[in-house]
Amino acid sequence: MFTIGDFARYGRVSRRMLRHYDAIGLLRPDRTDPATGYRFYGAAQLARLNRIIALKDLGFTLQQVRDVLDERVGPQELRGMLRLRHAELAEAVAAATARLAQVEARLRSIESEGHMPVDDVVIKTVPAVRVAELTGTAASYEPQDIGPVIGPLYEELFPLLEGAGLRPTGPGVARYEEAPEGGGAVVVHAGVTVSAPVGPVGGTGVRVVELPPFEAATIVHRGAMDDVLPAAQTLARWLDANGYRSTGYAREVSLECPADRSQWVTELQEPVARV
């Protein structure tokens, strides 16, 4: 079972949206604690959430989404609807490119339901690492909010390090945490491994921090980070099936970052504990 926060992260939606889906009867929690009102979701509910978001991306209203789901539209029909939207977006203006990537990611996730690989997940102790990072805040953990924040942070980070005479000694490390102001906002840390003293780097705004070791469930994602959803949900299902729970946001460790983003190799490192 997942808390509403964990389920929101794996589905890449906001907790506020999940509460709204509950209120209108579109996606009820698997269980609600009668004493606290806390909502809990099962891994199998990711399939329904995928279909809700896919239909929303097609331009359907929530009432229309409910009608489609209640009529039990099959995977073949849903794939056809997504491909139609794909064709429309491909012919649209450049501003629709981000939406197109999200629809493709949802399509791949839906097509892979029922036969997600589980042997790609590895439990290991991630050693301590020292990173130089810049920090920003995103409105939510959804890709359309994370991307516009983390991309510019990395574009700014490397020239600042070069100007300070500080060279990376290892991969990039992106990490996330709840923003102090709440409301679903997320603090985004864009970092890269370095060998340097902990503390601020001159007047650059860059800070070197020591990240402690932790127990992690890891999986390797190959492709652009816009398409990370299937890998993240494979990880979620594996945790649920093997008696682990998430204890925070996954780190993203960039193993290979060529110019062609479809060739990126990224390891997701989810902090975990035994249930």
C-alpha atoms as a PDB file:
ATOM      1  CA  MET A   1       0.000   0.000   0.000  1.00  0.00           C
ATOM      2  CA  PHE A   2       1.163   3.534  -0.756  1.00  0.00           C
ATOM      3  CA  THR A   3       0.423   6.755   1.090  1.00  0.00           C
ATOM      4  CA  ILE A   4      -1.170   9.506  -0.984  1.00  0.00           C
ATOM      5  CA  GLY A   5       2.225  11.248  -1.187  1.00  0.00           C
ATOM      6  CA  ASP A   6       4.045   8.173  -2.520  1.00  0.00           C
ATOM      7  CA  PHE A   7       1.210   7.324  -4.933  1.00  0.00           C
ATOM      8  CA  ALA A   8       1.241  10.915  -6.251  1.00  0.00           C
ATOM      9  CA  ARG A   9       4.998  10.696  -6.903  1.00  0.00           C
ATOM     10  CA  TYR A  10       4.741   7.418  -8.811  1.00  0.00           C
ATOM     11  CA  GLY A  11       1.807   8.671 -10.869  1.00  0.00           C
ATOM     12  CA  ARG A  12       3.448  12.081 -11.362  1.00  0.00           C
ATOM     13  CA  VAL A  13       0.320  13.932 -10.238  1.00  0.00           C
ATOM     14  CA  SER A  14      -0.331  16.226  -7.299  1.00  0.00           C
ATOM     15  CA  ARG A  15      -1.872  15.101  -4.025  1.00  0.00           C
ATOM     16  CA  ARG A  16      -4.495  17.802  -4.488  1.00  0.00           C
ATOM     17  CA  MET A  17      -5.506  16.172  -7.789  1.00  0.00           C
ATOM     18  CA  LEU A  18      -5.807  12.749  -6.121  1.00  0.00           C
ATOM     19  CA  ARG A  19      -8.024  14.250  -3.427  1.00  0.00           C
ATOM     20  CA  HIS A  20     -10.208  15.768  -6.156  1.00  0.00           C
ATOM     21  CA  TYR A  21     -10.443  12.427  -7.988  1.00  0.00           C
ATOM     22  CA  ASP A  22     -11.533  10.862  -4.696  1.00  0.00           C
ATOM     23  CA  ALA A  23     -14.151  13.563  -4.069  1.00  0.00           C
ATOM     24  CA  ILE A  24     -15.800  13.079  -7.484  1.00  0.00           C
ATOM     25  CA  GLY A  25     -15.584   9.286  -7.350  1.00  0.00           C
ATOM     26  CA  LEU A  26     -13.138   8.957 -10.234  1.00  0.00           C
ATOM     27  CA  LEU A  27     -10.336   7.239  -8.265  1.00  0.00           C
ATOM     28  CA  ARG A  28     -11.136   6.166  -4.727  1.00  0.00           C
ATOM     29  CA  PRO A  29      -8.311   5.178  -2.343  1.00  0.00           C
ATOM     30  CA  ASP A  30      -7.990   1.472  -1.696  1.00  0.00           C
ATOM     31  CA  ARG A  31      -8.348   2.219   2.005  1.00  0.00           C
ATOM     32  CA  THR A  32      -9.034   5.289   4.163  1.00  0.00           C
ATOM     33  CA  ASP A  33      -8.075   5.236   7.832  1.00  0.00           C
ATOM     34  CA  PRO A  34     -11.329   5.927   9.737  1.00  0.00           C
ATOM     35  CA  ALA A  35      -9.481   7.594  12.597  1.00  0.00           C
ATOM     36  CA  THR A  36      -7.113   9.896  10.709  1.00  0.00           C
ATOM     37  CA  GLY A  37      -8.695  10.152   7.256  1.00  0.00           C
ATOM     38  CA  TYR A  38      -5.336   9.227   5.646  1.00  0.00           C
ATOM     39  CA  ARG A  39      -5.712   7.742   2.177  1.00  0.00           C
ATOM     40  CA  PHE A  40      -3.849   4.597   1.040  1.00  0.00           C
ATOM     41  CA  TYR A  41      -3.579   3.287  -2.525  1.00  0.00           C
ATOM     42  CA  GLY A  42      -2.664  -0.107  -3.987  1.00  0.00           C
ATOM     43  CA  ALA A  43      -0.090  -0.642  -6.752  1.00  0.00           C
ATOM     44  CA  ALA A  44      -2.826  -2.016  -9.031  1.00  0.00           C
ATOM     45  CA  GLN A  45      -4.514   1.418  -8.994  1.00  0.00           C
ATOM     46  CA  LEU A  46      -1.639   2.882 -11.049  1.00  0.00           C
ATOM     47  CA  ALA A  47      -3.301   1.331 -14.108  1.00  0.00           C
ATOM     48  CA  ARG A  48      -6.514   3.335 -13.583  1.00  0.00           C
ATOM     49  CA  LEU A  49      -4.526   6.492 -12.844  1.00  0.00           C
ATOM     50  CA  ASN A  50      -2.562   6.018 -16.092  1.00  0.00           C
ATOM     51  CA  ARG A  51      -5.800   5.831 -18.048  1.00  0.00           C
ATOM     52  CA  ILE A  52      -7.285   8.889 -16.340  1.00  0.00           C
ATOM     53  CA  ILE A  53      -4.220  11.005 -17.202  1.00  0.00           C
ATOM     54  CA  ALA A  54      -4.023   9.596 -20.733  1.00  0.00           C
ATOM     55  CA  LEU A  55      -7.667  10.496 -21.407  1.00  0.00           C
ATOM     56  CA  LYS A  56      -7.174  13.960 -19.878  1.00  0.00           C
ATOM     57  CA  ASP A  57      -4.197  14.471 -22.207  1.00  0.00           C
ATOM     58  CA  LEU A  58      -6.507  13.672 -25.101  1.00  0.00           C
ATOM     59  CA  GLY A  59      -8.636  16.663 -24.071  1.00  0.00           C
ATOM     60  CA  PHE A  60     -11.462  14.757 -22.373  1.00  0.00           C
ATOM     61  CA  THR A  61     -13.343  16.356 -19.468  1.00  0.00           C
ATOM     62  CA  LEU A  62     -13.337  14.469 -16.174  1.00  0.00           C
ATOM     63  CA  GLN A  63     -16.986  13.528 -16.746  1.00  0.00           C
ATOM     64  CA  GLN A  64     -16.042  12.104 -20.150  1.00  0.00           C
ATOM     65  CA  VAL A  65     -13.108  10.260 -18.564  1.00  0.00           C
ATOM     66  CA  ARG A  66     -15.472   8.648 -16.055  1.00  0.00           C
ATOM     67  CA  ASP A  67     -17.878   7.660 -18.834  1.00  0.00           C
ATOM     68  CA  VAL A  68     -15.060   6.029 -20.827  1.00  0.00           C
ATOM     69  CA  LEU A  69     -13.724   4.137 -17.811  1.00  0.00           C
ATOM     70  CA  ASP A  70     -17.176   2.987 -16.707  1.00  0.00           C
ATOM     71  CA  GLU A  71     -17.778   1.564 -20.196  1.00  0.00           C
ATOM     72  CA  ARG A  72     -14.532  -0.423 -19.812  1.00  0.00           C
ATOM     73  CA  VAL A  73     -12.758   0.790 -22.947  1.00  0.00           C
ATOM     74  CA  GLY A  74     -10.095  -1.842 -23.655  1.00  0.00           C
ATOM     75  CA  PRO A  75      -6.342  -1.313 -24.091  1.00  0.00           C
ATOM     76  CA  GLN A  76      -6.576  -1.574 -27.894  1.00  0.00           C
ATOM     77  CA  GLU A  77      -9.154   1.218 -28.143  1.00  0.00           C
ATOM     78  CA  LEU A  78      -7.223   3.368 -25.676  1.00  0.00           C
ATOM     79  CA  ARG A  79      -3.988   2.902 -27.613  1.00  0.00           C
ATOM     80  CA  GLY A  80      -5.813   3.970 -30.768  1.00  0.00           C
ATOM     81  CA  MET A  81      -7.081   7.127 -29.066  1.00  0.00           C
ATOM     82  CA  LEU A  82      -3.582   7.988 -27.837  1.00  0.00           C
ATOM     83  CA  ARG A  83      -2.076   7.452 -31.293  1.00  0.00           C
ATOM     84  CA  LEU A  84      -4.667   9.794 -32.781  1.00  0.00           C
ATOM     85  CA  ARG A  85      -3.701  12.471 -30.264  1.00  0.00           C
ATOM     86  CA  HIS A  86      -0.025  11.755 -31.032  1.00  0.00           C
ATOM     87  CA  ALA A  87      -0.628  12.494 -34.713  1.00  0.00           C
ATOM     88  CA  GLU A  88      -2.473  15.733 -33.885  1.00  0.00           C
ATOM     89  CA  LEU A  89       0.309  16.921 -31.587  1.00  0.00           C
ATOM     90  CA  ALA A  90       3.011  16.051 -34.130  1.00  0.00           C
ATOM     91  CA  GLU A  91       1.361  18.483 -36.573  1.00  0.00           C
ATOM     92  CA  ALA A  92       0.859  21.222 -33.980  1.00  0.00           C
ATOM     93  CA  VAL A  93       3.116  24.147 -33.146  1.00  0.00           C
ATOM     94  CA  ALA A  94       6.366  23.729 -31.202  1.00  0.00           C
ATOM     95  CA  ALA A  95       4.635  24.694 -27.950  1.00  0.00           C
ATOM     96  CA  ALA A  96       2.852  21.300 -27.945  1.00  0.00           C
ATOM     97  CA  THR A  97       6.118  19.304 -27.872  1.00  0.00           C
ATOM     98  CA  ALA A  98       6.144  18.879 -24.102  1.00  0.00           C
ATOM     99  CA  ARG A  99       2.560  17.577 -24.124  1.00  0.00           C
ATOM    100  CA  LEU A 100       3.465  15.098 -26.868  1.00  0.00           C
ATOM    101  CA  ALA A 101       6.294  13.616 -24.788  1.00  0.00           C
ATOM    102  CA  GLN A 102       3.931  13.096 -21.846  1.00  0.00           C
ATOM    103  CA  VAL A 103       1.363  11.289 -24.007  1.00  0.00           C
ATOM    104  CA  GLU A 104       4.091   8.996 -25.400  1.00  0.00           C
ATOM    105  CA  ALA A 105       5.276   8.163 -21.886  1.00  0.00           C
ATOM    106  CA  ARG A 106       1.717   7.348 -20.787  1.00  0.00           C
ATOM    107  CA  LEU A 107       1.198   5.172 -23.855  1.00  0.00           C
ATOM    108  CA  ARG A 108       4.328   3.147 -23.176  1.00  0.00           C
ATOM    109  CA  SER A 109       3.321   2.724 -19.539  1.00  0.00           C
ATOM    110  CA  ILE A 110      -0.150   1.454 -20.470  1.00  0.00           C
ATOM    111  CA  GLU A 111       1.176  -0.929 -23.121  1.00  0.00           C
ATOM    112  CA  SER A 112       3.609  -2.478 -20.641  1.00  0.00           C
ATOM    113  CA  GLU A 113       1.031  -3.100 -17.884  1.00  0.00           C
ATOM    114  CA  GLY A 114       0.814  -6.704 -16.839  1.00  0.00           C
ATOM    115  CA  HIS A 115       4.343  -7.625 -17.883  1.00  0.00           C
ATOM    116  CA  MET A 116       6.597  -5.146 -16.145  1.00  0.00           C
ATOM    117  CA  PRO A 117      10.108  -6.567 -15.633  1.00  0.00           C
ATOM    118  CA  VAL A 118      11.033  -7.040 -11.979  1.00  0.00           C
ATOM    119  CA  ASP A 119      14.576  -8.396 -12.331  1.00  0.00           C
ATOM    120  CA  ASP A 120      15.937  -4.924 -13.193  1.00  0.00           C
ATOM    121  CA  VAL A 121      15.446  -3.693  -9.611  1.00  0.00           C
ATOM    122  CA  VAL A 122      18.452  -4.010  -7.276  1.00  0.00           C
ATOM    123  CA  ILE A 123      18.631  -3.268  -3.544  1.00  0.00           C
ATOM    124  CA  LYS A 124      21.982  -1.786  -2.546  1.00  0.00           C
ATOM    125  CA  THR A 125      23.664   0.613  -0.166  1.00  0.00           C
ATOM    126  CA  VAL A 126      24.441   3.868  -1.951  1.00  0.00           C
ATOM    127  CA  PRO A 127      27.710   5.291  -0.548  1.00  0.00           C
ATOM    128  CA  ALA A 128      28.163   8.845   0.654  1.00  0.00           C
ATOM    129  CA  VAL A 129      28.852  11.300  -2.145  1.00  0.00           C
ATOM    130  CA  ARG A 130      29.936  14.936  -2.290  1.00  0.00           C
ATOM    131  CA  VAL A 131      28.154  17.109  -4.838  1.00  0.00           C
ATOM    132  CA  ALA A 132      28.194  20.728  -5.961  1.00  0.00           C
ATOM    133  CA  GLU A 133      24.622  21.845  -6.571  1.00  0.00           C
ATOM    134  CA  LEU A 134      22.260  24.651  -7.382  1.00  0.00           C
ATOM    135  CA  THR A 135      18.751  24.663  -5.935  1.00  0.00           C
ATOM    136  CA  GLY A 136      15.353  25.816  -7.168  1.00  0.00           C
ATOM    137  CA  THR A 137      11.684  25.191  -6.432  1.00  0.00           C
ATOM    138  CA  ALA A 138       9.103  23.514  -8.684  1.00  0.00           C
ATOM    139  CA  ALA A 139       5.352  23.842  -8.227  1.00  0.00           C
ATOM    140  CA  SER A 140       4.971  20.043  -8.105  1.00  0.00           C
ATOM    141  CA  TYR A 141       6.749  16.774  -8.895  1.00  0.00           C
ATOM    142  CA  GLU A 142       4.959  16.527 -12.236  1.00  0.00           C
ATOM    143  CA  PRO A 143       7.290  16.494 -15.285  1.00  0.00           C
ATOM    144  CA  GLN A 144       5.908  19.744 -16.701  1.00  0.00           C
ATOM    145  CA  ASP A 145       6.918  21.500 -13.461  1.00  0.00           C
ATOM    146  CA  ILE A 146      10.261  19.754 -12.820  1.00  0.00           C
ATOM    147  CA  GLY A 147      11.686  20.080 -16.354  1.00  0.00           C
ATOM    148  CA  PRO A 148      11.600  23.897 -16.629  1.00  0.00           C
ATOM    149  CA  VAL A 149      13.386  24.166 -13.264  1.00  0.00           C
ATOM    150  CA  ILE A 150      16.077  21.474 -13.385  1.00  0.00           C
ATOM    151  CA  GLY A 151      17.163  22.119 -16.989  1.00  0.00           C
ATOM    152  CA  PRO A 152      18.174  25.773 -16.436  1.00  0.00           C
ATOM    153  CA  LEU A 153      19.822  24.860 -13.112  1.00  0.00           C
ATOM    154  CA  TYR A 154      22.188  22.442 -14.869  1.00  0.00           C
ATOM    155  CA  GLU A 155      22.818  24.906 -17.697  1.00  0.00           C
ATOM    156  CA  GLU A 156      23.909  27.439 -15.075  1.00  0.00           C
ATOM    157  CA  LEU A 157      25.820  25.015 -12.836  1.00  0.00           C
ATOM    158  CA  PHE A 158      28.606  23.845 -15.140  1.00  0.00           C
ATOM    159  CA  PRO A 159      29.811  27.307 -16.306  1.00  0.00           C
ATOM    160  CA  LEU A 160      29.857  28.451 -12.670  1.00  0.00           C
ATOM    161  CA  LEU A 161      31.981  25.465 -11.654  1.00  0.00           C
ATOM    162  CA  GLU A 162      34.366  26.045 -14.548  1.00  0.00           C
ATOM    163  CA  GLY A 163      34.718  29.711 -13.616  1.00  0.00           C
ATOM    164  CA  ALA A 164      35.506  28.698 -10.047  1.00  0.00           C
ATOM    165  CA  GLY A 165      38.137  26.194 -11.205  1.00  0.00           C
ATOM    166  CA  LEU A 166      36.133  23.256  -9.893  1.00  0.00           C
ATOM    167  CA  ARG A 167      35.912  20.168 -12.121  1.00  0.00           C
ATOM    168  CA  PRO A 168      33.306  17.395 -11.810  1.00  0.00           C
ATOM    169  CA  THR A 169      34.738  14.057 -10.683  1.00  0.00           C
ATOM    170  CA  GLY A 170      31.672  11.896 -11.282  1.00  0.00           C
ATOM    171  CA  PRO A 171      28.076  11.793 -12.534  1.00  0.00           C
ATOM    172  CA  GLY A 172      25.312  14.312 -12.122  1.00  0.00           C
ATOM    173  CA  VAL A 173      23.020  13.761  -9.133  1.00  0.00           C
ATOM    174  CA  ALA A 174      19.530  15.272  -9.078  1.00  0.00           C
ATOM    175  CA  ARG A 175      17.564  15.017  -5.839  1.00  0.00           C
ATOM    176  CA  TYR A 176      14.255  16.313  -4.515  1.00  0.00           C
ATOM    177  CA  GLU A 177      12.542  17.094  -1.227  1.00  0.00           C
ATOM    178  CA  GLU A 178       9.301  18.604   0.010  1.00  0.00           C
ATOM    179  CA  ALA A 179       9.348  22.409  -0.055  1.00  0.00           C
ATOM    180  CA  PRO A 180       8.952  24.089   3.354  1.00  0.00           C
ATOM    181  CA  GLU A 181       5.914  26.022   2.115  1.00  0.00           C
ATOM    182  CA  GLY A 182       4.057  22.775   1.356  1.00  0.00           C
ATOM    183  CA  GLY A 183       1.193  22.758  -1.130  1.00  0.00           C
ATOM    184  CA  GLY A 184       2.882  20.057  -3.209  1.00  0.00           C
ATOM    185  CA  ALA A 185       5.889  22.249  -4.077  1.00  0.00           C
ATOM    186  CA  VAL A 186       9.233  20.458  -4.447  1.00  0.00           C
ATOM    187  CA  VAL A 187      12.784  21.681  -3.816  1.00  0.00           C
ATOM    188  CA  VAL A 188      14.946  20.674  -6.795  1.00  0.00           C
ATOM    189  CA  HIS A 189      18.689  20.110  -6.301  1.00  0.00           C
ATOM    190  CA  ALA A 190      20.717  19.902  -9.540  1.00  0.00           C
ATOM    191  CA  GLY A 191      24.165  18.628  -8.654  1.00  0.00           C
ATOM    192  CA  VAL A 192      27.288  16.927  -9.919  1.00  0.00           C
ATOM    193  CA  THR A 193      29.902  14.854  -8.085  1.00  0.00           C
ATOM    194  CA  VAL A 194      33.007  16.822  -7.037  1.00  0.00           C
ATOM    195  CA  SER A 195      36.045  16.568  -4.780  1.00  0.00           C
ATOM    196  CA  ALA A 196      35.964  19.848  -2.886  1.00  0.00           C
ATOM    197  CA  PRO A 197      35.395  21.190   0.642  1.00  0.00           C
ATOM    198  CA  VAL A 198      31.813  21.336   1.892  1.00  0.00           C
ATOM    199  CA  GLY A 199      30.353  24.827   1.792  1.00  0.00           C
ATOM    200  CA  PRO A 200      29.592  27.644  -0.651  1.00  0.00           C
ATOM    201  CA  VAL A 201      31.680  27.981  -3.818  1.00  0.00           C
ATOM    202  CA  GLY A 202      32.734  31.615  -3.781  1.00  0.00           C
ATOM    203  CA  GLY A 203      29.876  33.956  -4.665  1.00  0.00           C
ATOM    204  CA  THR A 204      28.465  31.671  -7.345  1.00  0.00           C
ATOM    205  CA  GLY A 205      25.382  30.453  -5.476  1.00  0.00           C
ATOM    206  CA  VAL A 206      26.722  26.901  -5.824  1.00  0.00           C
ATOM    207  CA  ARG A 207      27.058  24.891  -2.614  1.00  0.00           C
ATOM    208  CA  VAL A 208      29.054  21.701  -2.026  1.00  0.00           C
ATOM    209  CA  VAL A 209      27.196  19.246   0.225  1.00  0.00           C
ATOM    210  CA  GLU A 210      27.940  15.779   1.576  1.00  0.00           C
ATOM    211  CA  LEU A 211      25.082  13.364   0.900  1.00  0.00           C
ATOM    212  CA  PRO A 212      25.024  10.498   3.432  1.00  0.00           C
ATOM    213  CA  PRO A 213      24.841   6.801   2.469  1.00  0.00           C
ATOM    214  CA  PHE A 214      21.425   5.146   2.327  1.00  0.00           C
ATOM    215  CA  GLU A 215      19.665   1.903   1.424  1.00  0.00           C
ATOM    216  CA  ALA A 216      18.101   2.164  -2.026  1.00  0.00           C
ATOM    217  CA  ALA A 217      16.073   0.231  -4.542  1.00  0.00           C
ATOM    218  CA  THR A 218      17.609   1.064  -7.919  1.00  0.00           C
ATOM    219  CA  ILE A 219      16.598   0.699 -11.538  1.00  0.00           C
ATOM    220  CA  VAL A 220      18.287   1.935 -14.725  1.00  0.00           C
ATOM    221  CA  HIS A 221      16.249   4.076 -17.136  1.00  0.00           C
ATOM    222  CA  ARG A 222      17.385   4.406 -20.732  1.00  0.00           C
ATOM    223  CA  GLY A 223      16.009   7.408 -22.594  1.00  0.00           C
ATOM    224  CA  ALA A 224      14.975  11.003 -21.992  1.00  0.00           C
ATOM    225  CA  MET A 225      13.762  11.894 -18.510  1.00  0.00           C
ATOM    226  CA  ASP A 226      10.417  12.916 -20.012  1.00  0.00           C
ATOM    227  CA  ASP A 227       9.916   9.167 -20.530  1.00  0.00           C
ATOM    228  CA  VAL A 228      10.916   8.002 -17.033  1.00  0.00           C
ATOM    229  CA  LEU A 229       7.379   7.149 -15.878  1.00  0.00           C
ATOM    230  CA  PRO A 230       7.368   3.420 -16.827  1.00  0.00           C
ATOM    231  CA  ALA A 231      10.663   2.829 -14.994  1.00  0.00           C
ATOM    232  CA  ALA A 232       9.414   4.696 -11.904  1.00  0.00           C
ATOM    233  CA  GLN A 233       6.217   2.660 -11.853  1.00  0.00           C
ATOM    234  CA  THR A 234       8.127  -0.613 -12.341  1.00  0.00           C
ATOM    235  CA  LEU A 235      10.053   0.352  -9.215  1.00  0.00           C
ATOM    236  CA  ALA A 236       6.828   1.133  -7.341  1.00  0.00           C
ATOM    237  CA  ARG A 237       5.291  -2.242  -8.189  1.00  0.00           C
ATOM    238  CA  TRP A 238       8.495  -4.058  -7.205  1.00  0.00           C
ATOM    239  CA  LEU A 239       8.565  -2.363  -3.795  1.00  0.00           C
ATOM    240  CA  ASP A 240       4.929  -3.253  -3.160  1.00  0.00           C
ATOM    241  CA  ALA A 241       5.483  -6.883  -4.191  1.00  0.00           C
ATOM    242  CA  ASN A 242       8.691  -7.380  -2.196  1.00  0.00           C
ATOM    243  CA  GLY A 243       7.881  -5.867   1.176  1.00  0.00           C
ATOM    244  CA  TYR A 244       9.582  -2.483   0.896  1.00  0.00           C
ATOM    245  CA  ARG A 245       8.287   1.052   1.306  1.00  0.00           C
ATOM    246  CA  SER A 246       9.667   4.297  -0.053  1.00  0.00           C
ATOM    247  CA  THR A 247      11.116   6.746   2.474  1.00  0.00           C
ATOM    248  CA  GLY A 248      11.572   9.715   0.141  1.00  0.00           C
ATOM    249  CA  TYR A 249      12.038  10.945  -3.406  1.00  0.00           C
ATOM    250  CA  ALA A 250      14.269   8.992  -5.782  1.00  0.00           C
ATOM    251  CA  ARG A 251      17.651  10.421  -6.741  1.00  0.00           C
ATOM    252  CA  GLU A 252      18.476  10.549 -10.435  1.00  0.00           C
ATOM    253  CA  VAL A 253      22.116   9.691 -11.176  1.00  0.00           C
ATOM    254  CA  SER A 254      23.177  10.517 -14.750  1.00  0.00           C
ATOM    255  CA  LEU A 255      25.376   7.671 -15.986  1.00  0.00           C
ATOM    256  CA  GLU A 256      25.487   8.732 -19.653  1.00  0.00           C
ATOM    257  CA  CYS A 257      24.300  12.080 -21.062  1.00  0.00           C
ATOM    258  CA  PRO A 258      25.029  12.351 -24.825  1.00  0.00           C
ATOM    259  CA  ALA A 259      23.559  15.162 -26.923  1.00  0.00           C
ATOM    260  CA  ASP A 260      20.783  12.814 -28.059  1.00  0.00           C
ATOM    261  CA  ARG A 261      18.550  12.652 -24.971  1.00  0.00           C
ATOM    262  CA  SER A 262      16.943   9.427 -26.160  1.00  0.00           C
ATOM    263  CA  GLN A 263      20.326   7.795 -25.463  1.00  0.00           C
ATOM    264  CA  TRP A 264      20.599   8.988 -21.858  1.00  0.00           C
ATOM    265  CA  VAL A 265      21.229   6.367 -19.149  1.00  0.00           C
ATOM    266  CA  THR A 266      19.973   7.304 -15.655  1.00  0.00           C
ATOM    267  CA  GLU A 267      19.857   5.303 -12.455  1.00  0.00           C
ATOM    268  CA  LEU A 268      16.886   5.935 -10.173  1.00  0.00           C
ATOM    269  CA  GLN A 269      17.838   5.436  -6.511  1.00  0.00           C
ATOM    270  CA  GLU A 270      14.755   5.189  -4.293  1.00  0.00           C
ATOM    271  CA  PRO A 271      15.437   5.324  -0.513  1.00  0.00           C
ATOM    272  CA  VAL A 272      13.634   2.362   1.065  1.00  0.00           C
ATOM    273  CA  ALA A 273      12.963   0.494   4.287  1.00  0.00           C
ATOM    274  CA  ARG A 274      11.384  -2.874   5.030  1.00  0.00           C
ATOM    275  CA  VAL A 275       7.658  -2.761   5.712  1.00  0.00           C
END
